[in-house]
């Protein structure tokens, strides 16, 4: 018997057609994804190890360079300080220091049993020892002999400096800053420091 459906099309039952998914094997996909993850993880691990090694090497180089960096920093600081000293001296010295002439004057003033250890620009100026302006030349040296002998030698050296025009023309006064007993190679000596105050403009 033929079945005729007289209902309008919109009211008729629609037969459900079952959709068939393609038959895809899941196991190979899972295995493939896991393999990719393992490879990526391995690559990241290798990169991490290399990065740590490189970082360790860089840290070692940095630590090796540390003393050099400190020396460089000290040199830069000293250069800046010396530039400041020279600039200050030029501002206050009258006439401007002629170092060749000045050092020749010191050399001419040295006497037997006196030797010099250092000559440099100091911080003191007359009447105000705490002033940070560079207003004096500091002369450091040694006098051979006991306290009395050394004191006489230093006094004679100061007198020679004051009388030497190549040296004394630059300075208002030359003062004994300190005189201390020392022993050098089993010999008794006196270490002295002189403050030579520059003439102001």
N, C-alpha and C. Protein backbone atom coordinates (compact mmCIF):
# COMPACT_ATOMS: atom_id res chain seq x y z
N UNK A 1 0.84 -1.17 0.00
CA UNK A 1 0.00 0.00 0.00
C UNK A 1 0.90 1.24 0.00
N UNK A 2 0.51 2.17 -0.82
CA UNK A 2 1.30 3.40 -0.94
C UNK A 2 0.80 4.41 0.06
N UNK A 3 1.75 4.91 0.83
CA UNK A 3 1.38 5.90 1.88
C UNK A 3 1.57 7.29 1.32
N UNK A 4 0.47 8.03 1.37
CA UNK A 4 0.50 9.40 0.85
C UNK A 4 0.40 10.36 2.00
N UNK A 5 1.30 11.26 2.05
CA UNK A 5 1.32 12.26 3.13
C UNK A 5 0.69 13.52 2.59
N UNK A 6 -0.50 13.82 3.13
CA UNK A 6 -1.23 14.96 2.64
C UNK A 6 -0.94 16.25 3.42
N UNK A 7 -0.12 16.16 4.43
CA UNK A 7 0.19 17.36 5.22
C UNK A 7 1.07 18.31 4.42
N UNK A 8 0.93 19.59 4.71
CA UNK A 8 1.82 20.54 4.01
C UNK A 8 3.29 20.20 4.32
N UNK A 9 4.17 20.65 3.47
CA UNK A 9 5.58 20.30 3.59
C UNK A 9 6.18 20.76 4.92
N UNK A 10 5.74 21.97 5.38
CA UNK A 10 6.34 22.50 6.60
C UNK A 10 5.95 21.71 7.84
N UNK A 11 4.82 20.88 7.73
CA UNK A 11 4.35 20.12 8.89
C UNK A 11 4.76 18.66 8.81
N UNK A 12 5.30 18.32 7.76
CA UNK A 12 5.71 16.92 7.62
C UNK A 12 6.93 16.62 8.50
N UNK A 13 7.04 15.39 8.95
CA UNK A 13 8.17 14.95 9.76
C UNK A 13 9.41 14.89 8.87
N UNK A 14 10.43 15.41 9.43
CA UNK A 14 11.70 15.37 8.69
C UNK A 14 12.49 14.21 9.23
N UNK A 15 12.88 13.39 8.35
CA UNK A 15 13.67 12.24 8.77
C UNK A 15 15.10 12.68 9.08
N UNK A 16 15.57 12.23 10.21
CA UNK A 16 16.93 12.58 10.64
C UNK A 16 17.91 11.66 9.94
N UNK A 17 18.88 12.35 9.37
CA UNK A 17 19.91 11.58 8.68
C UNK A 17 21.15 11.58 9.58
N UNK A 18 21.54 10.43 9.97
CA UNK A 18 22.70 10.31 10.86
C UNK A 18 23.97 10.65 10.10
N UNK A 19 24.74 11.60 10.71
CA UNK A 19 26.00 11.98 10.07
C UNK A 19 27.08 11.01 10.49
N UNK A 20 27.81 10.61 9.59
CA UNK A 20 28.88 9.67 9.86
C UNK A 20 30.23 10.41 9.83
N UNK A 21 30.94 10.34 10.98
CA UNK A 21 32.27 10.95 11.06
C UNK A 21 33.28 10.02 10.41
N UNK A 22 34.28 10.63 9.80
CA UNK A 22 35.29 9.77 9.20
C UNK A 22 36.01 8.97 10.28
N UNK A 23 36.41 7.84 9.98
CA UNK A 23 37.06 6.94 10.92
C UNK A 23 38.54 7.30 11.03
N UNK A 24 38.86 8.21 12.05
CA UNK A 24 40.24 8.68 12.23
C UNK A 24 40.82 7.99 13.46
N UNK A 25 41.97 7.35 13.31
CA UNK A 25 42.59 6.68 14.47
C UNK A 25 43.19 7.71 15.44
N UNK A 26 42.78 7.72 16.70
CA UNK A 26 43.20 8.71 17.68
C UNK A 26 44.60 8.42 18.25
N UNK A 27 44.96 7.19 18.36
CA UNK A 27 46.23 6.82 18.99
C UNK A 27 47.43 7.45 18.29
N UNK A 28 47.53 7.37 16.96
CA UNK A 28 48.69 8.01 16.31
C UNK A 28 48.74 9.53 16.54
N UNK A 29 47.58 10.18 16.58
CA UNK A 29 47.54 11.63 16.81
C UNK A 29 48.07 11.96 18.20
N UNK A 30 47.59 11.23 19.21
CA UNK A 30 48.04 11.46 20.58
C UNK A 30 49.54 11.23 20.69
N UNK A 31 50.01 10.15 20.10
CA UNK A 31 51.44 9.83 20.13
C UNK A 31 52.24 10.95 19.45
N UNK A 32 51.73 11.44 18.31
CA UNK A 32 52.42 12.51 17.58
C UNK A 32 52.51 13.79 18.39
N UNK A 33 51.39 14.17 19.02
CA UNK A 33 51.38 15.38 19.85
C UNK A 33 52.35 15.25 21.01
N UNK A 34 52.33 14.07 21.66
CA UNK A 34 53.25 13.84 22.78
C UNK A 34 54.71 13.91 22.31
N UNK A 35 54.98 13.37 21.13
CA UNK A 35 56.35 13.41 20.59
C UNK A 35 56.79 14.84 20.34
N UNK A 36 55.88 15.64 19.78
CA UNK A 36 56.21 17.05 19.53
C UNK A 36 56.50 17.77 20.84
N UNK A 37 55.66 17.52 21.86
CA UNK A 37 55.87 18.15 23.17
C UNK A 37 57.21 17.75 23.77
N UNK A 38 57.58 16.46 23.63
CA UNK A 38 58.86 15.98 24.16
C UNK A 38 60.03 16.68 23.45
N UNK A 39 59.92 16.79 22.12
CA UNK A 39 60.99 17.44 21.35
C UNK A 39 61.13 18.90 21.75
N UNK A 40 59.99 19.62 21.84
CA UNK A 40 60.01 21.03 22.22
C UNK A 40 60.60 21.20 23.61
N UNK A 41 60.18 20.30 24.52
CA UNK A 41 60.69 20.36 25.89
C UNK A 41 62.20 20.13 25.91
N UNK A 42 62.67 19.20 25.09
CA UNK A 42 64.11 18.92 25.01
C UNK A 42 64.88 20.11 24.48
N UNK A 43 64.34 20.73 23.42
CA UNK A 43 65.00 21.91 22.84
C UNK A 43 65.08 23.03 23.86
N UNK A 44 63.97 23.28 24.58
CA UNK A 44 63.96 24.32 25.61
C UNK A 44 64.96 24.02 26.72
N UNK A 45 65.06 22.74 27.08
CA UNK A 45 66.01 22.33 28.11
C UNK A 45 67.45 22.60 27.69
N UNK A 46 67.77 22.25 26.43
CA UNK A 46 69.11 22.50 25.90
C UNK A 46 69.41 24.00 25.88
N UNK A 47 68.42 24.79 25.42
CA UNK A 47 68.60 26.24 25.39
C UNK A 47 68.83 26.81 26.78
N UNK A 48 68.10 26.28 27.76
CA UNK A 48 68.25 26.74 29.14
C UNK A 48 69.64 26.44 29.67
N UNK A 49 70.14 25.22 29.37
CA UNK A 49 71.48 24.84 29.83
C UNK A 49 72.54 25.75 29.20
N UNK A 50 72.41 25.99 27.87
CA UNK A 50 73.36 26.86 27.19
C UNK A 50 73.31 28.27 27.75
N UNK A 51 72.10 28.76 28.02
CA UNK A 51 71.94 30.10 28.57
C UNK A 51 72.60 30.21 29.94
N UNK A 52 72.43 29.17 30.77
CA UNK A 52 73.04 29.17 32.10
C UNK A 52 74.55 29.16 31.99
N UNK A 53 75.07 28.36 31.04
CA UNK A 53 76.53 28.30 30.85
C UNK A 53 77.07 29.65 30.41
N UNK A 54 76.39 30.27 29.45
CA UNK A 54 76.82 31.58 28.97
C UNK A 54 76.77 32.63 30.09
N UNK A 55 75.71 32.56 30.90
CA UNK A 55 75.56 33.49 32.02
C UNK A 55 76.69 33.30 33.03
N UNK A 56 77.02 32.03 33.29
CA UNK A 56 78.12 31.72 34.22
C UNK A 56 79.44 32.28 33.69
N UNK A 57 79.70 32.09 32.39
CA UNK A 57 80.93 32.61 31.79
C UNK A 57 80.99 34.13 31.88
N UNK A 58 79.85 34.78 31.58
CA UNK A 58 79.80 36.23 31.65
C UNK A 58 80.05 36.73 33.08
N UNK A 59 79.46 36.02 34.07
CA UNK A 59 79.68 36.40 35.47
C UNK A 59 81.15 36.25 35.86
N UNK A 60 81.78 35.16 35.35
CA UNK A 60 83.19 34.93 35.65
C UNK A 60 84.04 36.05 35.05
N UNK A 61 83.75 36.42 33.78
CA UNK A 61 84.48 37.51 33.14
C UNK A 61 84.29 38.81 33.91
N UNK A 62 83.05 39.06 34.33
CA UNK A 62 82.73 40.27 35.08
C UNK A 62 83.53 40.32 36.38
N UNK A 63 83.61 39.16 37.08
CA UNK A 63 84.34 39.11 38.34
C UNK A 63 85.84 39.29 38.12
N UNK A 64 86.36 38.72 37.03
CA UNK A 64 87.78 38.86 36.71
C UNK A 64 88.11 40.32 36.42
N UNK A 65 87.19 41.01 35.76
CA UNK A 65 87.39 42.41 35.40
C UNK A 65 87.17 43.37 36.56
N UNK A 66 86.64 42.87 37.67
CA UNK A 66 86.30 43.74 38.80
C UNK A 66 87.48 44.57 39.31
N UNK A 67 88.67 43.95 39.54
CA UNK A 67 89.80 44.77 39.98
C UNK A 67 90.20 45.83 38.96
N UNK A 68 90.13 45.47 37.68
CA UNK A 68 90.46 46.44 36.64
C UNK A 68 89.48 47.59 36.64
N UNK A 69 88.18 47.27 36.84
CA UNK A 69 87.18 48.33 36.89
C UNK A 69 87.44 49.26 38.06
N UNK A 70 87.83 48.67 39.21
CA UNK A 70 88.11 49.49 40.38
C UNK A 70 89.31 50.40 40.14
N UNK A 71 90.37 49.82 39.51
CA UNK A 71 91.56 50.63 39.21
C UNK A 71 91.21 51.75 38.25
N UNK A 72 90.43 51.41 37.23
CA UNK A 72 90.03 52.44 36.26
C UNK A 72 89.23 53.54 36.94
N UNK A 73 88.31 53.13 37.83
CA UNK A 73 87.52 54.11 38.56
C UNK A 73 88.38 55.02 39.42
N UNK A 74 89.40 54.44 40.07
CA UNK A 74 90.30 55.24 40.90
C UNK A 74 91.11 56.22 40.06
N UNK A 75 91.59 55.72 38.90
CA UNK A 75 92.37 56.59 38.01
C UNK A 75 91.53 57.77 37.54
N UNK A 76 90.28 57.46 37.14
CA UNK A 76 89.38 58.52 36.67
C UNK A 76 89.14 59.54 37.79
N UNK A 77 88.94 59.03 39.01
CA UNK A 77 88.72 59.91 40.16
C UNK A 77 89.94 60.79 40.42
N UNK A 78 91.14 60.17 40.34
CA UNK A 78 92.37 60.92 40.57
C UNK A 78 92.58 61.98 39.50
N UNK A 79 92.30 61.61 38.25
CA UNK A 79 92.45 62.58 37.16
C UNK A 79 91.53 63.77 37.38
N UNK A 80 90.28 63.48 37.75
CA UNK A 80 89.31 64.55 37.99
C UNK A 80 89.77 65.44 39.15
N UNK A 81 90.30 64.79 40.22
CA UNK A 81 90.77 65.56 41.37
C UNK A 81 91.96 66.43 41.00
N UNK A 82 92.89 65.87 40.21
CA UNK A 82 94.06 66.64 39.80
C UNK A 82 93.68 67.80 38.89
N UNK A 83 92.72 67.55 37.99
CA UNK A 83 92.25 68.64 37.13
C UNK A 83 91.65 69.76 37.95
N UNK A 84 90.91 69.39 39.00
CA UNK A 84 90.32 70.39 39.87
C UNK A 84 91.41 71.17 40.61
N UNK A 85 92.43 70.45 41.07
CA UNK A 85 93.53 71.11 41.77
C UNK A 85 94.23 72.12 40.86
N UNK A 86 94.57 71.66 39.66
CA UNK A 86 95.30 72.53 38.73
C UNK A 86 94.46 73.75 38.38
N UNK A 87 93.15 73.53 38.17
CA UNK A 87 92.26 74.64 37.84
C UNK A 87 92.21 75.65 38.98
N UNK A 88 92.13 75.14 40.21
CA UNK A 88 92.08 76.03 41.38
C UNK A 88 93.39 76.78 41.54
N UNK A 89 94.49 76.07 41.34
CA UNK A 89 95.80 76.72 41.46
C UNK A 89 95.94 77.85 40.45
N UNK A 90 95.49 77.61 39.22
CA UNK A 90 95.58 78.64 38.18
C UNK A 90 94.78 79.88 38.55
N UNK A 91 93.68 79.66 39.27
CA UNK A 91 92.83 80.79 39.64
C UNK A 91 93.47 81.66 40.73
N UNK A 92 94.20 81.01 41.64
CA UNK A 92 94.70 81.76 42.80
C UNK A 92 96.19 82.07 42.74
N UNK A 93 96.94 81.36 41.90
CA UNK A 93 98.38 81.55 41.87
C UNK A 93 98.76 82.80 41.08
N UNK A 94 99.69 83.54 41.61
CA UNK A 94 100.19 84.73 40.91
C UNK A 94 101.71 84.80 41.13
N UNK A 95 102.50 84.68 40.08
CA UNK A 95 102.09 84.35 38.71
C UNK A 95 101.74 82.86 38.59
N UNK A 96 101.29 82.43 37.41
CA UNK A 96 100.97 81.03 37.20
C UNK A 96 102.22 80.18 37.39
N UNK A 97 102.04 79.00 38.03
CA UNK A 97 103.18 78.17 38.38
C UNK A 97 103.95 77.70 37.15
N UNK A 98 105.25 77.87 37.22
CA UNK A 98 106.16 77.29 36.24
C UNK A 98 106.82 76.10 36.94
N UNK A 99 106.31 74.91 36.67
CA UNK A 99 106.73 73.74 37.42
C UNK A 99 108.22 73.44 37.24
N UNK A 100 108.72 73.64 36.06
CA UNK A 100 110.15 73.37 35.82
C UNK A 100 111.01 74.25 36.71
N UNK A 101 110.67 75.54 36.73
CA UNK A 101 111.41 76.50 37.56
C UNK A 101 111.24 76.18 39.05
N UNK A 102 110.01 75.85 39.44
CA UNK A 102 109.71 75.58 40.84
C UNK A 102 110.49 74.36 41.33
N UNK A 103 110.46 73.27 40.56
CA UNK A 103 111.15 72.05 40.96
C UNK A 103 112.66 72.23 40.96
N UNK A 104 113.16 73.04 40.04
CA UNK A 104 114.59 73.36 40.04
C UNK A 104 114.97 74.09 41.32
N UNK A 105 114.08 74.98 41.77
CA UNK A 105 114.31 75.69 43.03
C UNK A 105 114.36 74.73 44.21
N UNK A 106 113.47 73.75 44.22
CA UNK A 106 113.47 72.73 45.29
C UNK A 106 114.79 71.96 45.25
N UNK A 107 115.19 71.54 44.06
CA UNK A 107 116.41 70.76 43.90
C UNK A 107 117.64 71.52 44.40
N UNK A 108 117.67 72.80 44.12
CA UNK A 108 118.80 73.64 44.55
C UNK A 108 118.82 73.82 46.07
N UNK A 109 117.66 73.67 46.71
CA UNK A 109 117.54 73.93 48.15
C UNK A 109 117.83 72.71 49.01
N UNK A 110 117.81 71.52 48.39
CA UNK A 110 118.04 70.29 49.15
C UNK A 110 119.48 70.25 49.65
N UNK A 111 119.64 69.79 50.91
CA UNK A 111 120.97 69.71 51.52
C UNK A 111 121.28 68.25 51.86
N UNK A 112 122.54 67.93 52.16
CA UNK A 112 122.88 66.56 52.55
C UNK A 112 122.05 66.09 53.74
N UNK A 113 121.74 64.79 53.73
CA UNK A 113 120.94 64.14 54.78
C UNK A 113 119.46 64.54 54.76
N UNK A 114 119.05 65.19 53.68
CA UNK A 114 117.63 65.47 53.44
C UNK A 114 117.27 64.83 52.10
N UNK A 115 116.19 64.08 52.07
CA UNK A 115 115.69 63.59 50.78
C UNK A 115 114.17 63.70 50.75
N UNK A 116 113.66 63.97 49.57
CA UNK A 116 112.23 64.23 49.41
C UNK A 116 111.49 62.98 48.95
N UNK A 117 110.26 62.82 49.44
CA UNK A 117 109.44 61.65 49.09
C UNK A 117 108.27 62.02 48.19
N UNK A 118 107.76 63.25 48.36
CA UNK A 118 106.57 63.62 47.59
C UNK A 118 106.40 65.14 47.55
N UNK A 119 105.92 65.61 46.43
CA UNK A 119 105.54 67.01 46.28
C UNK A 119 104.19 67.03 45.59
N UNK A 120 103.21 67.67 46.18
CA UNK A 120 101.87 67.68 45.58
C UNK A 120 101.05 68.86 46.03
N UNK A 121 99.95 69.08 45.35
CA UNK A 121 99.07 70.18 45.69
C UNK A 121 98.21 69.80 46.88
N UNK A 122 98.17 70.68 47.89
CA UNK A 122 97.42 70.38 49.10
C UNK A 122 96.10 71.12 49.16
N UNK A 123 95.37 70.91 50.25
CA UNK A 123 94.03 71.49 50.40
C UNK A 123 94.01 72.73 51.27
N UNK A 124 95.04 72.97 52.03
CA UNK A 124 94.97 74.04 53.03
C UNK A 124 95.27 75.41 52.44
N UNK A 125 94.70 76.42 53.04
CA UNK A 125 95.08 77.80 52.73
C UNK A 125 95.27 78.53 54.05
N UNK A 126 96.06 79.56 54.08
CA UNK A 126 96.35 80.23 55.36
C UNK A 126 95.09 80.68 56.08
N UNK A 127 95.06 80.43 57.40
CA UNK A 127 93.95 80.91 58.22
C UNK A 127 92.73 80.01 58.20
N UNK A 128 92.72 79.02 57.34
CA UNK A 128 91.55 78.15 57.29
C UNK A 128 91.97 76.78 56.78
N UNK A 129 92.45 75.94 57.68
CA UNK A 129 92.98 74.63 57.32
C UNK A 129 91.93 73.69 56.76
N UNK A 130 90.66 73.95 57.07
CA UNK A 130 89.59 73.07 56.61
C UNK A 130 89.05 73.47 55.24
N UNK A 131 89.54 74.56 54.71
CA UNK A 131 89.05 75.02 53.41
C UNK A 131 89.38 73.99 52.34
N UNK A 132 88.42 73.72 51.45
CA UNK A 132 88.62 72.69 50.44
C UNK A 132 89.27 73.23 49.17
N UNK A 133 89.54 74.52 49.12
CA UNK A 133 90.26 75.06 47.97
C UNK A 133 91.71 74.58 48.03
N UNK A 134 92.31 74.42 46.87
CA UNK A 134 93.68 73.94 46.82
C UNK A 134 94.60 75.15 46.79
N UNK A 135 95.16 75.53 47.96
CA UNK A 135 95.92 76.74 48.03
C UNK A 135 97.35 76.57 48.49
N UNK A 136 97.83 75.33 48.58
CA UNK A 136 99.20 75.17 49.03
C UNK A 136 99.88 74.00 48.35
N UNK A 137 101.19 74.06 48.35
CA UNK A 137 102.01 72.97 47.85
C UNK A 137 102.54 72.22 49.05
N UNK A 138 102.36 70.90 49.06
CA UNK A 138 102.84 70.09 50.18
C UNK A 138 104.14 69.40 49.78
N UNK A 139 105.15 69.52 50.62
CA UNK A 139 106.44 68.87 50.39
C UNK A 139 106.67 67.89 51.53
N UNK A 140 106.87 66.62 51.18
CA UNK A 140 107.09 65.56 52.18
C UNK A 140 108.49 65.00 51.98
N UNK A 141 109.23 64.85 53.08
CA UNK A 141 110.58 64.31 52.98
C UNK A 141 111.07 63.74 54.29
N UNK A 142 112.35 63.36 54.30
CA UNK A 142 112.97 62.75 55.48
C UNK A 142 114.28 63.45 55.77
N UNK A 143 114.57 63.55 57.06
CA UNK A 143 115.84 64.11 57.51
C UNK A 143 116.56 63.05 58.34
N UNK A 144 117.81 62.78 58.00
CA UNK A 144 118.57 61.72 58.68
C UNK A 144 119.14 62.25 59.99
N UNK A 145 118.98 61.46 61.04
CA UNK A 145 119.55 61.85 62.33
C UNK A 145 118.51 61.80 63.44
N UNK A 146 118.99 62.08 64.67
CA UNK A 146 118.06 62.09 65.80
C UNK A 146 117.19 63.34 65.75
N UNK A 147 116.33 63.48 66.72
CA UNK A 147 115.35 64.58 66.69
C UNK A 147 116.01 65.95 66.57
N UNK A 148 117.03 66.18 67.35
CA UNK A 148 117.68 67.50 67.33
C UNK A 148 118.37 67.75 66.00
N UNK A 149 119.13 66.76 65.52
CA UNK A 149 119.84 66.91 64.25
C UNK A 149 118.86 67.12 63.10
N UNK A 150 117.82 66.29 63.09
CA UNK A 150 116.83 66.35 62.00
C UNK A 150 116.10 67.68 62.00
N UNK A 151 115.78 68.19 63.18
CA UNK A 151 115.08 69.48 63.28
C UNK A 151 115.93 70.60 62.68
N UNK A 152 117.24 70.57 62.96
CA UNK A 152 118.14 71.58 62.41
C UNK A 152 118.24 71.46 60.88
N UNK A 153 118.26 70.22 60.39
CA UNK A 153 118.34 69.99 58.94
C UNK A 153 117.08 70.52 58.24
N UNK A 154 115.92 70.24 58.83
CA UNK A 154 114.67 70.69 58.23
C UNK A 154 114.59 72.21 58.25
N UNK A 155 115.03 72.81 59.35
CA UNK A 155 115.03 74.28 59.44
C UNK A 155 115.93 74.89 58.37
N UNK A 156 117.09 74.27 58.15
CA UNK A 156 118.01 74.76 57.13
C UNK A 156 117.38 74.60 55.73
N UNK A 157 116.70 73.49 55.50
CA UNK A 157 116.05 73.26 54.21
C UNK A 157 114.96 74.30 53.95
N UNK A 158 114.14 74.59 54.98
CA UNK A 158 113.09 75.61 54.85
C UNK A 158 113.71 76.97 54.54
N UNK A 159 114.79 77.28 55.24
CA UNK A 159 115.48 78.56 55.01
C UNK A 159 116.00 78.65 53.57
N UNK A 160 116.54 77.55 53.05
CA UNK A 160 117.02 77.53 51.66
C UNK A 160 115.87 77.76 50.68
N UNK A 161 114.71 77.14 50.95
CA UNK A 161 113.54 77.32 50.07
C UNK A 161 113.10 78.78 50.06
N UNK A 162 113.09 79.39 51.25
CA UNK A 162 112.66 80.80 51.35
C UNK A 162 113.62 81.74 50.63
N UNK A 163 114.90 81.39 50.60
CA UNK A 163 115.89 82.25 49.96
C UNK A 163 116.02 81.98 48.46
N UNK A 164 115.49 80.86 48.01
CA UNK A 164 115.60 80.52 46.59
C UNK A 164 114.47 81.18 45.81
N UNK A 165 114.81 82.13 44.94
CA UNK A 165 113.80 82.91 44.21
C UNK A 165 112.99 82.04 43.25
N UNK A 166 113.62 81.02 42.68
CA UNK A 166 112.89 80.15 41.74
C UNK A 166 111.72 79.45 42.44
N UNK A 167 111.86 79.26 43.74
CA UNK A 167 110.79 78.60 44.50
C UNK A 167 109.93 79.61 45.26
N UNK A 168 110.57 80.48 46.02
CA UNK A 168 109.83 81.32 46.97
C UNK A 168 108.98 82.40 46.31
N UNK A 169 109.25 82.74 45.05
CA UNK A 169 108.46 83.77 44.38
C UNK A 169 106.98 83.39 44.27
N UNK A 170 106.66 82.13 44.38
CA UNK A 170 105.27 81.67 44.24
C UNK A 170 104.51 81.64 45.57
N UNK A 171 105.23 81.74 46.69
CA UNK A 171 104.61 81.45 47.97
C UNK A 171 104.68 82.61 48.96
N UNK A 172 103.60 82.72 49.75
CA UNK A 172 103.56 83.72 50.82
C UNK A 172 104.39 83.25 52.01
N UNK A 173 104.13 82.02 52.44
CA UNK A 173 104.84 81.46 53.59
C UNK A 173 105.13 79.98 53.35
N UNK A 174 106.15 79.50 54.06
CA UNK A 174 106.47 78.07 54.07
C UNK A 174 106.48 77.64 55.53
N UNK A 175 105.59 76.72 55.88
CA UNK A 175 105.43 76.33 57.28
C UNK A 175 105.69 74.83 57.46
N UNK A 176 106.23 74.49 58.62
CA UNK A 176 106.42 73.09 58.98
C UNK A 176 105.09 72.54 59.50
N UNK A 177 104.52 71.62 58.76
CA UNK A 177 103.21 71.06 59.14
C UNK A 177 103.37 69.97 60.19
N UNK A 178 104.37 69.09 60.00
CA UNK A 178 104.57 68.02 60.98
C UNK A 178 106.01 67.51 60.90
N UNK A 179 106.46 66.90 62.01
CA UNK A 179 107.80 66.32 62.10
C UNK A 179 107.69 65.10 63.00
N UNK A 180 107.86 63.91 62.43
CA UNK A 180 107.62 62.67 63.18
C UNK A 180 108.80 61.70 63.03
N UNK A 181 109.10 61.03 64.13
CA UNK A 181 110.21 60.08 64.14
C UNK A 181 109.85 58.83 63.35
N UNK A 182 110.78 58.36 62.54
CA UNK A 182 110.62 57.13 61.76
C UNK A 182 111.93 56.34 61.81
N UNK A 183 111.85 55.09 61.36
CA UNK A 183 113.05 54.27 61.25
C UNK A 183 113.08 53.69 59.84
N UNK A 184 114.15 53.98 59.11
CA UNK A 184 114.30 53.49 57.74
C UNK A 184 115.61 52.72 57.64
N UNK A 185 115.51 51.42 57.32
CA UNK A 185 116.69 50.55 57.23
C UNK A 185 117.56 50.67 58.48
N UNK A 186 116.88 50.57 59.63
CA UNK A 186 117.55 50.60 60.94
C UNK A 186 118.22 51.94 61.25
N UNK A 187 117.91 52.96 60.46
CA UNK A 187 118.43 54.30 60.73
C UNK A 187 117.32 55.19 61.26
N UNK A 188 117.64 55.99 62.27
CA UNK A 188 116.65 56.91 62.82
C UNK A 188 116.53 58.13 61.90
N UNK A 189 115.31 58.41 61.49
CA UNK A 189 115.07 59.58 60.62
C UNK A 189 113.85 60.32 61.14
N UNK A 190 113.66 61.53 60.63
CA UNK A 190 112.47 62.30 60.95
C UNK A 190 111.73 62.60 59.64
N UNK A 191 110.48 62.22 59.61
CA UNK A 191 109.65 62.52 58.44
C UNK A 191 109.01 63.90 58.64
N UNK A 192 109.15 64.75 57.63
CA UNK A 192 108.58 66.10 57.77
C UNK A 192 107.62 66.40 56.61
N UNK A 193 106.68 67.28 56.91
CA UNK A 193 105.74 67.77 55.89
C UNK A 193 105.72 69.29 55.95
N UNK A 194 105.91 69.90 54.79
CA UNK A 194 105.88 71.37 54.70
C UNK A 194 104.64 71.81 53.94
N UNK A 195 104.02 72.90 54.40
CA UNK A 195 102.92 73.54 53.68
C UNK A 195 103.43 74.86 53.11
N UNK A 196 103.47 74.94 51.79
CA UNK A 196 103.94 76.15 51.10
C UNK A 196 102.73 76.86 50.54
N UNK A 197 102.32 77.96 51.17
CA UNK A 197 101.09 78.65 50.80
C UNK A 197 101.30 79.60 49.62
N UNK A 198 100.50 79.40 48.60
CA UNK A 198 100.62 80.17 47.39
C UNK A 198 100.21 81.64 47.58
N UNK A 199 100.86 82.52 46.83
CA UNK A 199 100.44 83.92 46.83
C UNK A 199 99.11 84.03 46.12
N UNK A 200 98.23 84.87 46.65
CA UNK A 200 96.91 85.07 46.04
C UNK A 200 96.96 86.22 45.07
N UNK A 201 96.03 86.18 44.13
CA UNK A 201 95.93 87.28 43.16
C UNK A 201 95.26 88.48 43.83
